[in-house]
């Protein structure tokens, strides 16, 4: 384990290539390019700007308040150069290689990977396979990290019991549309919690692993014809080897709401399809009832949050009907996804790949 006590350090030095023994640790950042298809490339540029700024702050030892004990010392022991692996399922990204390099500072070693036909989780696995770092930091191409995100997330490995650490994901309530999703969607409104805890669930858009742990469970599991849902399988695989997933809520990222109505519909239908297929990819009435029932339960939860927690995202009273409408529309398409999957699981397995 990559911890600071002498015994663990000797173990690490025995496993670490000689070229890195003086500094011990290397950070590899992994980001997929798949989300740019619906959320746009400009958000990826903003992500790269944030990565550059936050890594330079770490290198200059300008740290945010509230780092875990020992985090500053641990961060100082990373190599000055950081590896970033950008993985795409289509070759078009190669045309952007020069622009990507221009967005990154000189101390970032870019590796551009094209894995033809791969989607979200397989792209993460393929990128992790070629990464050379001792720590793998996964961050999606469409999220925007809060200040201090990287230091809080990577610094959490100063705790010897932390082998996997995620951050919190929220929707920034910048517009009426975004406020509706901040309250009524998958992610909770942003929390001000500071304690590192074991979360009830986690997302793959902001999570870091000790590389040996990630590879020991074979990466993210195959999820068949679904497009999301590997996080719960990852938790189960980690549990089998006695590894817990932790969350540092100070390591927060802002996730965008669906970019437009078409994106909303596609994402919600895929959500319903994935819920239907969660316990089997063939037609079965149990899946239909479960997916539609969960859509209705999520709708009720979203409306409850809108009424109960609207003040947390600055929701004015006159926006409540609009927020209800947006949340209701999303979950109507969610239910439709389950119904369509019941009609034709094969067709739905090929469509709505998000």
Protein backbone atom coordinates (compact mmCIF):
# COMPACT_ATOMS: atom_id res chain seq x y z
CA UNK A 1 0.00 0.00 0.00
CA UNK A 2 1.25 3.46 -0.82
CA UNK A 3 1.31 4.88 2.69
CA UNK A 4 3.79 6.91 4.61
CA UNK A 5 4.76 4.50 7.39
CA UNK A 6 8.26 3.00 6.97
CA UNK A 7 7.16 -0.62 6.66
CA UNK A 8 4.77 0.10 3.83
CA UNK A 9 7.34 2.33 2.16
CA UNK A 10 9.85 -0.54 2.04
CA UNK A 11 7.19 -2.77 0.48
CA UNK A 12 6.43 -0.15 -2.14
CA UNK A 13 10.08 0.44 -2.97
CA UNK A 14 10.48 -3.27 -3.62
CA UNK A 15 7.67 -3.14 -6.19
CA UNK A 16 8.39 0.23 -7.78
CA UNK A 17 10.62 0.60 -10.88
CA UNK A 18 14.05 2.02 -10.09
CA UNK A 19 13.45 5.12 -12.21
CA UNK A 20 10.73 6.22 -9.72
CA UNK A 21 12.11 5.13 -6.38
CA UNK A 22 13.35 8.59 -5.45
CA UNK A 23 9.86 10.11 -5.65
CA UNK A 24 7.90 6.90 -5.14
CA UNK A 25 4.56 7.88 -6.63
CA UNK A 26 3.19 8.89 -10.02
CA UNK A 27 -0.32 10.13 -10.73
CA UNK A 28 -2.25 9.02 -13.81
CA UNK A 29 -5.41 10.93 -14.70
CA UNK A 30 -7.89 9.04 -16.86
CA UNK A 31 -10.67 10.77 -18.76
CA UNK A 32 -12.99 9.34 -21.37
CA UNK A 33 -13.97 11.35 -24.46
CA UNK A 34 -17.39 9.68 -24.85
CA UNK A 35 -19.36 12.31 -22.93
CA UNK A 36 -18.28 15.06 -25.31
CA UNK A 37 -20.69 13.61 -27.87
CA UNK A 38 -23.72 14.92 -25.97
CA UNK A 39 -22.27 17.51 -23.58
CA UNK A 40 -19.86 19.17 -25.99
CA UNK A 41 -16.10 19.62 -26.22
CA UNK A 42 -16.00 23.05 -24.50
CA UNK A 43 -16.67 21.43 -21.12
CA UNK A 44 -13.65 19.18 -21.69
CA UNK A 45 -11.51 22.25 -22.30
CA UNK A 46 -12.71 23.71 -19.00
CA UNK A 47 -11.89 20.41 -17.30
CA UNK A 48 -8.34 20.46 -18.69
CA UNK A 49 -7.90 24.05 -17.52
CA UNK A 50 -8.99 23.01 -14.02
CA UNK A 51 -6.68 19.99 -14.00
CA UNK A 52 -3.73 22.16 -14.98
CA UNK A 53 -4.50 24.79 -12.36
CA UNK A 54 -5.03 22.31 -9.55
CA UNK A 55 -1.93 20.24 -10.31
CA UNK A 56 0.21 23.37 -10.33
CA UNK A 57 -1.25 24.38 -6.97
CA UNK A 58 -0.29 20.97 -5.60
CA UNK A 59 3.22 21.27 -6.97
CA UNK A 60 3.59 24.73 -5.37
CA UNK A 61 2.10 23.37 -2.13
CA UNK A 62 -0.80 25.78 -2.21
CA UNK A 63 -3.38 23.54 -0.61
CA UNK A 64 -7.04 24.09 0.29
CA UNK A 65 -8.18 24.07 3.88
CA UNK A 66 -9.37 20.86 5.47
CA UNK A 67 -7.03 18.33 3.85
CA UNK A 68 -6.92 14.94 5.59
CA UNK A 69 -4.03 14.54 8.06
CA UNK A 70 -0.80 13.79 6.24
CA UNK A 71 -2.23 14.75 2.84
CA UNK A 72 0.14 17.66 2.23
CA UNK A 73 3.15 15.44 2.89
CA UNK A 74 1.77 12.73 0.61
CA UNK A 75 1.05 15.15 -2.22
CA UNK A 76 4.62 16.44 -2.02
CA UNK A 77 5.86 12.91 -2.79
CA UNK A 78 4.28 12.67 -6.23
CA UNK A 79 6.46 13.07 -9.28
CA UNK A 80 6.37 16.58 -10.76
CA UNK A 81 5.14 15.20 -14.06
CA UNK A 82 1.63 13.79 -14.24
CA UNK A 83 0.29 11.40 -16.85
CA UNK A 84 -3.10 12.02 -18.47
CA UNK A 85 -4.73 9.36 -20.62
CA UNK A 86 -7.57 10.57 -22.86
CA UNK A 87 -9.56 7.62 -24.23
CA UNK A 88 -11.98 7.81 -27.15
CA UNK A 89 -14.07 5.20 -28.91
CA UNK A 90 -13.76 6.99 -32.25
CA UNK A 91 -10.67 8.10 -34.21
CA UNK A 92 -11.96 11.66 -34.72
CA UNK A 93 -10.29 12.68 -31.47
CA UNK A 94 -6.89 12.41 -33.16
CA UNK A 95 -7.66 15.57 -35.08
CA UNK A 96 -7.88 17.37 -31.73
CA UNK A 97 -4.58 16.09 -30.34
CA UNK A 98 -2.68 19.34 -30.91
CA UNK A 99 -5.49 21.36 -29.34
CA UNK A 100 -5.61 19.01 -26.34
CA UNK A 101 -1.84 19.36 -25.88
CA UNK A 102 -2.13 23.12 -26.08
CA UNK A 103 -4.71 23.04 -23.26
CA UNK A 104 -2.42 21.08 -20.96
CA UNK A 105 0.68 22.43 -19.20
CA UNK A 106 4.15 21.15 -20.13
CA UNK A 107 4.32 18.91 -17.06
CA UNK A 108 1.39 16.81 -18.32
CA UNK A 109 2.39 13.74 -20.33
CA UNK A 110 -0.53 13.14 -22.71
CA UNK A 111 -1.39 9.67 -23.96
CA UNK A 112 -4.20 9.66 -26.49
CA UNK A 113 -5.91 6.29 -26.80
CA UNK A 114 -8.38 5.31 -29.52
CA UNK A 115 -10.26 2.11 -28.67
CA UNK A 116 -12.61 1.68 -31.62
CA UNK A 117 -16.20 1.04 -30.62
CA UNK A 118 -15.59 1.20 -26.87
CA UNK A 119 -18.07 3.03 -24.68
CA UNK A 120 -17.93 4.68 -21.27
CA UNK A 121 -16.69 1.95 -18.89
CA UNK A 122 -14.60 0.00 -21.41
CA UNK A 123 -12.82 3.25 -22.27
CA UNK A 124 -11.92 3.71 -18.62
CA UNK A 125 -10.60 0.16 -18.46
CA UNK A 126 -8.54 0.49 -21.64
CA UNK A 127 -7.03 3.76 -20.43
CA UNK A 128 -6.22 2.27 -17.03
CA UNK A 129 -4.57 -0.70 -18.72
CA UNK A 130 -1.90 1.50 -20.32
CA UNK A 131 -1.54 3.99 -17.46
CA UNK A 132 1.79 3.95 -15.64
CA UNK A 133 0.84 5.69 -12.40
CA UNK A 134 0.66 4.33 -8.86
CA UNK A 135 -2.67 6.14 -8.42
CA UNK A 136 -5.44 6.21 -11.03
CA UNK A 137 -7.64 9.28 -10.91
CA UNK A 138 -10.78 8.93 -13.04
CA UNK A 139 -12.62 12.09 -14.00
CA UNK A 140 -15.24 12.44 -16.73
CA UNK A 141 -14.79 14.81 -19.65
CA UNK A 142 -18.01 16.70 -18.85
CA UNK A 143 -17.61 17.48 -15.14
CA UNK A 144 -16.10 20.65 -13.67
CA UNK A 145 -14.08 20.18 -10.46
CA UNK A 146 -14.54 22.53 -7.52
CA UNK A 147 -11.41 24.34 -6.28
CA UNK A 148 -9.20 21.97 -4.32
CA UNK A 149 -10.88 18.86 -5.71
CA UNK A 150 -7.68 17.12 -6.79
CA UNK A 151 -5.80 17.80 -3.55
CA UNK A 152 -8.69 16.55 -1.45
CA UNK A 153 -9.23 13.41 -3.53
CA UNK A 154 -5.62 12.33 -4.03
CA UNK A 155 -4.60 13.54 -0.57
CA UNK A 156 -7.12 11.13 0.97
CA UNK A 157 -4.67 8.30 0.24
CA UNK A 158 -2.62 9.57 3.19
CA UNK A 159 -5.01 7.49 5.25
CA UNK A 160 -3.66 3.93 5.20
CA UNK A 161 -7.17 2.45 5.16
CA UNK A 162 -8.13 4.27 1.96
CA UNK A 163 -7.55 2.31 -1.24
CA UNK A 164 -10.49 3.76 -3.22
CA UNK A 165 -11.82 7.27 -2.78
CA UNK A 166 -14.61 9.08 -4.59
CA UNK A 167 -15.87 12.64 -4.42
CA UNK A 168 -19.38 14.02 -4.45
CA UNK A 169 -21.17 14.86 -7.69
CA UNK A 170 -23.81 17.56 -7.93
CA UNK A 171 -25.54 19.73 -10.53
CA UNK A 172 -24.59 23.40 -10.23
CA UNK A 173 -27.90 25.36 -9.89
CA UNK A 174 -27.01 28.11 -12.34
CA UNK A 175 -30.29 28.27 -14.32
CA UNK A 176 -33.94 27.29 -13.72
CA UNK A 177 -33.35 24.18 -15.85
CA UNK A 178 -30.21 23.26 -13.89
CA UNK A 179 -31.97 23.89 -10.57
CA UNK A 180 -34.68 21.45 -11.60
CA UNK A 181 -32.05 18.75 -12.21
CA UNK A 182 -30.08 19.69 -9.07
CA UNK A 183 -33.16 18.72 -7.05
CA UNK A 184 -34.99 16.11 -9.10
CA UNK A 185 -32.32 14.02 -10.81
CA UNK A 186 -29.84 11.33 -9.78
CA UNK A 187 -27.42 13.54 -7.87
CA UNK A 188 -28.08 15.15 -4.50
CA UNK A 189 -27.73 18.91 -4.01
CA UNK A 190 -24.20 19.88 -3.06
CA UNK A 191 -23.37 19.09 0.56
CA UNK A 192 -20.96 20.90 2.85
CA UNK A 193 -19.93 17.73 4.68
CA UNK A 194 -16.25 17.44 5.54
CA UNK A 195 -15.81 13.95 6.99
CA UNK A 196 -14.48 11.06 4.90
CA UNK A 197 -17.18 8.38 5.01
CA UNK A 198 -18.30 5.17 3.32
CA UNK A 199 -21.03 6.34 0.91
CA UNK A 200 -24.27 4.51 0.21
CA UNK A 201 -23.49 4.81 -3.51
CA UNK A 202 -20.80 6.34 -5.69
CA UNK A 203 -20.24 7.43 -9.26
CA UNK A 204 -17.39 6.75 -11.64
CA UNK A 205 -17.09 10.38 -12.79
CA UNK A 206 -14.82 11.32 -9.87
CA UNK A 207 -13.01 8.43 -8.21
CA UNK A 208 -9.42 7.39 -7.55
CA UNK A 209 -7.84 3.98 -6.94
CA UNK A 210 -4.50 2.67 -5.94
CA UNK A 211 -3.59 1.16 -9.28
CA UNK A 212 -2.81 -2.28 -7.91
CA UNK A 213 -6.28 -2.42 -6.32
CA UNK A 214 -8.07 -1.39 -9.52
CA UNK A 215 -6.23 -4.02 -11.53
CA UNK A 216 -6.67 -6.73 -8.92
CA UNK A 217 -10.46 -6.68 -9.49
CA UNK A 218 -10.12 -6.47 -13.28
CA UNK A 219 -11.38 -2.89 -13.59
CA UNK A 220 -15.01 -2.04 -14.16
CA UNK A 221 -17.11 -5.13 -14.86
CA UNK A 222 -18.84 -5.92 -18.13
CA UNK A 223 -22.44 -4.65 -17.93
CA UNK A 224 -23.73 -6.26 -21.11
CA UNK A 225 -26.09 -4.12 -23.15
CA UNK A 226 -26.50 -1.48 -20.45
CA UNK A 227 -24.56 1.78 -20.57
CA UNK A 228 -24.40 2.56 -16.85
CA UNK A 229 -24.40 0.58 -13.62
CA UNK A 230 -20.89 -0.80 -13.19
CA UNK A 231 -20.26 1.10 -9.96
CA UNK A 232 -22.36 -1.29 -7.87
CA UNK A 233 -20.55 -4.25 -9.43
CA UNK A 234 -17.23 -2.59 -8.66
CA UNK A 235 -18.23 -2.17 -5.02
CA UNK A 236 -19.14 -5.87 -4.82
CA UNK A 237 -15.84 -6.92 -6.42
CA UNK A 238 -13.87 -4.72 -4.03
CA UNK A 239 -15.80 -6.07 -1.07
CA UNK A 240 -14.76 -9.61 -1.98
CA UNK A 241 -11.12 -8.66 -1.48
CA UNK A 242 -11.84 -6.64 1.66
CA UNK A 243 -11.55 -3.15 0.15
CA UNK A 244 -14.01 -0.38 0.99
CA UNK A 245 -14.99 2.60 -1.12
CA UNK A 246 -14.66 5.91 0.74
CA UNK A 247 -15.96 9.36 -0.11
CA UNK A 248 -14.34 12.72 0.55
CA UNK A 249 -17.19 15.21 0.01
CA UNK A 250 -14.74 18.09 -0.23
CA UNK A 251 -13.64 16.60 -3.57
CA UNK A 252 -16.71 17.81 -5.45
CA UNK A 253 -17.44 18.06 -9.17
CA UNK A 254 -20.32 19.76 -10.97
CA UNK A 255 -22.09 17.51 -13.46
CA UNK A 256 -24.09 19.15 -16.26
CA UNK A 257 -27.79 18.53 -16.69
CA UNK A 258 -28.81 17.06 -20.06
CA UNK A 259 -27.74 19.54 -22.72
CA UNK A 260 -31.16 19.87 -24.39
CA UNK A 261 -34.54 18.17 -24.69
CA UNK A 262 -33.20 15.50 -27.06
CA UNK A 263 -30.38 14.67 -24.64
CA UNK A 264 -32.89 14.58 -21.76
CA UNK A 265 -35.08 12.08 -23.60
CA UNK A 266 -32.19 9.85 -24.70
CA UNK A 267 -30.57 9.80 -21.27
CA UNK A 268 -33.86 9.10 -19.48
CA UNK A 269 -34.86 6.30 -21.87
CA UNK A 270 -31.41 4.74 -21.43
CA UNK A 271 -31.84 5.08 -17.67
CA UNK A 272 -35.12 3.16 -17.84
CA UNK A 273 -33.59 0.53 -20.12
CA UNK A 274 -30.66 0.01 -17.77
CA UNK A 275 -32.99 -0.30 -14.80
CA UNK A 276 -35.05 -2.93 -16.65
CA UNK A 277 -31.90 -4.88 -17.55
CA UNK A 278 -30.34 -4.59 -14.11
CA UNK A 279 -31.47 -8.10 -13.19
CA UNK A 280 -31.64 -9.63 -16.65
CA UNK A 281 -31.47 -8.69 -20.32
CA UNK A 282 -34.40 -10.77 -21.54
CA UNK A 283 -38.09 -9.93 -21.43
CA UNK A 284 -39.67 -10.40 -18.02
CA UNK A 285 -42.62 -8.79 -16.28
CA UNK A 286 -40.63 -8.29 -13.10
CA UNK A 287 -38.23 -6.00 -14.93
CA UNK A 288 -41.08 -4.02 -16.44
CA UNK A 289 -42.80 -3.50 -13.12
CA UNK A 290 -39.56 -2.67 -11.35
CA UNK A 291 -38.33 -0.12 -13.91
CA UNK A 292 -41.67 1.70 -14.16
CA UNK A 293 -42.15 1.57 -10.39
CA UNK A 294 -38.68 2.96 -9.76
CA UNK A 295 -39.34 5.75 -12.26
CA UNK A 296 -42.45 6.75 -10.32
CA UNK A 297 -40.63 6.48 -6.99
CA UNK A 298 -37.80 8.67 -8.28
CA UNK A 299 -40.33 11.18 -9.56
CA UNK A 300 -41.94 11.38 -6.14
CA UNK A 301 -38.54 11.76 -4.52
CA UNK A 302 -37.60 14.52 -6.95
CA UNK A 303 -40.81 16.45 -6.27
CA UNK A 304 -40.27 16.03 -2.53
CA UNK A 305 -36.74 17.42 -2.79
CA UNK A 306 -38.04 20.33 -4.84
CA UNK A 307 -40.47 21.30 -2.08
CA UNK A 308 -38.27 20.37 0.88
CA UNK A 309 -34.81 21.43 -0.26
CA UNK A 310 -35.41 24.08 -2.92
CA UNK A 311 -33.81 26.70 -0.70
CA UNK A 312 -30.50 24.81 -0.89
CA UNK A 313 -30.20 25.60 -4.60
CA UNK A 314 -31.85 29.02 -4.51
CA UNK A 315 -35.14 27.83 -6.06
CA UNK A 316 -37.72 30.64 -5.96
CA UNK A 317 -41.35 29.73 -5.39
CA UNK A 318 -42.41 30.71 -8.91
CA UNK A 319 -39.99 28.15 -10.40
CA UNK A 320 -41.56 25.20 -8.58
CA UNK A 321 -44.12 24.38 -11.35
CA UNK A 322 -41.37 24.51 -13.98
CA UNK A 323 -39.13 22.29 -11.85
CA UNK A 324 -41.98 19.81 -11.39
CA UNK A 325 -42.50 19.75 -15.17
CA UNK A 326 -38.84 19.12 -15.97
CA UNK A 327 -38.58 16.37 -13.36
CA UNK A 328 -41.84 14.82 -14.52
CA UNK A 329 -40.74 14.85 -18.17
CA UNK A 330 -37.47 13.11 -17.38
CA UNK A 331 -39.14 10.34 -15.39
CA UNK A 332 -41.88 9.86 -17.96
CA UNK A 333 -39.14 9.04 -20.47
CA UNK A 334 -37.48 6.87 -17.80
CA UNK A 335 -40.68 4.82 -17.54
CA UNK A 336 -40.94 4.73 -21.34
CA UNK A 337 -37.44 3.25 -21.49
CA UNK A 338 -38.53 0.33 -19.35
CA UNK A 339 -41.66 -0.21 -21.43
CA UNK A 340 -39.76 -0.13 -24.73
CA UNK A 341 -37.17 -2.54 -23.35
CA UNK A 342 -39.92 -4.95 -22.40
CA UNK A 343 -41.23 -4.75 -25.97
CA UNK A 344 -37.81 -5.33 -27.56
CA UNK A 345 -34.74 -5.85 -25.36
CA UNK A 346 -32.56 -6.52 -28.42
CA UNK A 347 -33.46 -3.27 -30.14
CA UNK A 348 -33.08 -1.26 -26.94
CA UNK A 349 -29.70 -2.85 -26.31
CA UNK A 350 -28.47 -1.33 -29.58
CA UNK A 351 -30.07 2.09 -29.20
CA UNK A 352 -29.68 5.01 -26.76
CA UNK A 353 -25.99 4.50 -26.06
CA UNK A 354 -25.12 7.22 -23.57
